[in-house]
């Protein structure tokens, strides 16, 4: 024991300043799980003598961002300035990012201006964050202008993240060709475009159905010696499936495997969805059963696709069994799946069960959306419970939900079927007053009903209103069934109006 003590004392000088230096309390940033934790830690930090305050406060801002408390992170930033704590470019980047996430792009720009005045220059990360913020705030023109300035003024060398922001941002606002032009320009200027930007462009082309262009980008990737990844192939597979080209999608899946890439659940989900869309439900089911043998697990999207397809084929019992299997496999349902189940119940005429499910959805902590209520209103209307549907419609605005044209049109159709045309007209006026413009189907339902009642003058006024709004007033083509006499009246009305737009 004596020898051990002697060894211990000899290893630390009793006269060194460090031996008597008080131990500084440590800061546990890992304890920050919610806003109150962040506030408590901030108060504690302010009472401490921090060795490197900027690093500590930057860390607090970062963890606040991780728990999505962006406003609090900005509050910490303001307090740093008020207390005279030195700030750096990292502080600026976090603050700019928080403003972007709050869709307050003006404050992002103001913070950049503040740092410029104080002699700081934003780096590639800060500028990239601001470009992303412009896109998040639906200001793609400003994002592109800023990116152009980066290149023209050599503000910094664009990195992969910045390039991804510009390519992906343009694709998401539908400017896929502009994104493609930028990618070609960057390639020609020698900028290193990584696989993520190519994946984003390919996905953009796939989303708008331009599959040949997407395949050309894939070939260009290979020429640039950039290997496509699983995301690239999954986007292409999904694109071909959406167009019903299942064979080409399968070829891509096989090509992917041949290149040593393992398809993920997203790849298989796309194929299952593709089979369902073309009506090949048995093939979709076989693929669904094969997934576990591939070392993958079904997720909520896999189940929702299959359940929806089964319901669409009126195979309600099988769909419900699959939902029960989903719960048994501990795959947690999301609101989308509950909406599918509710729609299935309504389609099968099980309205009381649908209303019970609505209650269950709320109990489970989900907030029903306009799709939830729309399906229920549709079911109520089709099953003779129009008054309940109207009551549900009145409940939507207080819940923060604005009924859309589909919801209004369903109730108007139900009223017209029961020959409550005047009430349907009043609902049409209410619809307009709420800022929801009727579409062609809405007008055609009203016009048909008026024609059935020989209300030619009223029907004519609605056709003229359609024309003024640029909607075509032609013979009935919607899915709403009407008696032949209604068609005859409608055709007569079209002939009555035709001379106004034709020159003999």
Foldseek 3Di string as FASTA:
>chain_A
DVVVVVVVPVVDPPPDPVNPDDDFDDQDLVVPQDDVVLVVSVVVVVPGDDPQVQVVLLSSLVSCVVNPVLVVSVVSVVVCVVVVPDYALSSLQSNLLSCLVVLNLVVNVVSCVVVVVVPHQHALSSLLSSLLSCLSNVNNVVSVVSVVCCVVVVSDQHDQSSLLSNLLSCLVVPNLVVSVVVVVVCVVVPRDHAQNSLLSSLLSCLVVLNLVVSVVSQVVCVVVVHDHALSSLLSSLLSCLVVLNLVVSVVSCVVCVVVVYQHAVSSLLSSLLSCLVVPNLVVSVVSLVCQVVSVYDDAQSSLLSNLLSCLVVVVNVVSVVSVVVCVVVVRDHDLSSLLSNLLSCLVVLNLVVSVVSVVVCVVVPHDDALSSLQSNLLSCLVNVNLVVSVVSQVVQVVSVYDHALSSLLSSLLSCLVVPVLVVSVVSQVVCVVSVHHHAPSSLVSSLLSCLVVVVLVVSLVSCVVCVVVVHDQDQDDDPRDDDPSSRVSSVVSCVVCVVVPDDD
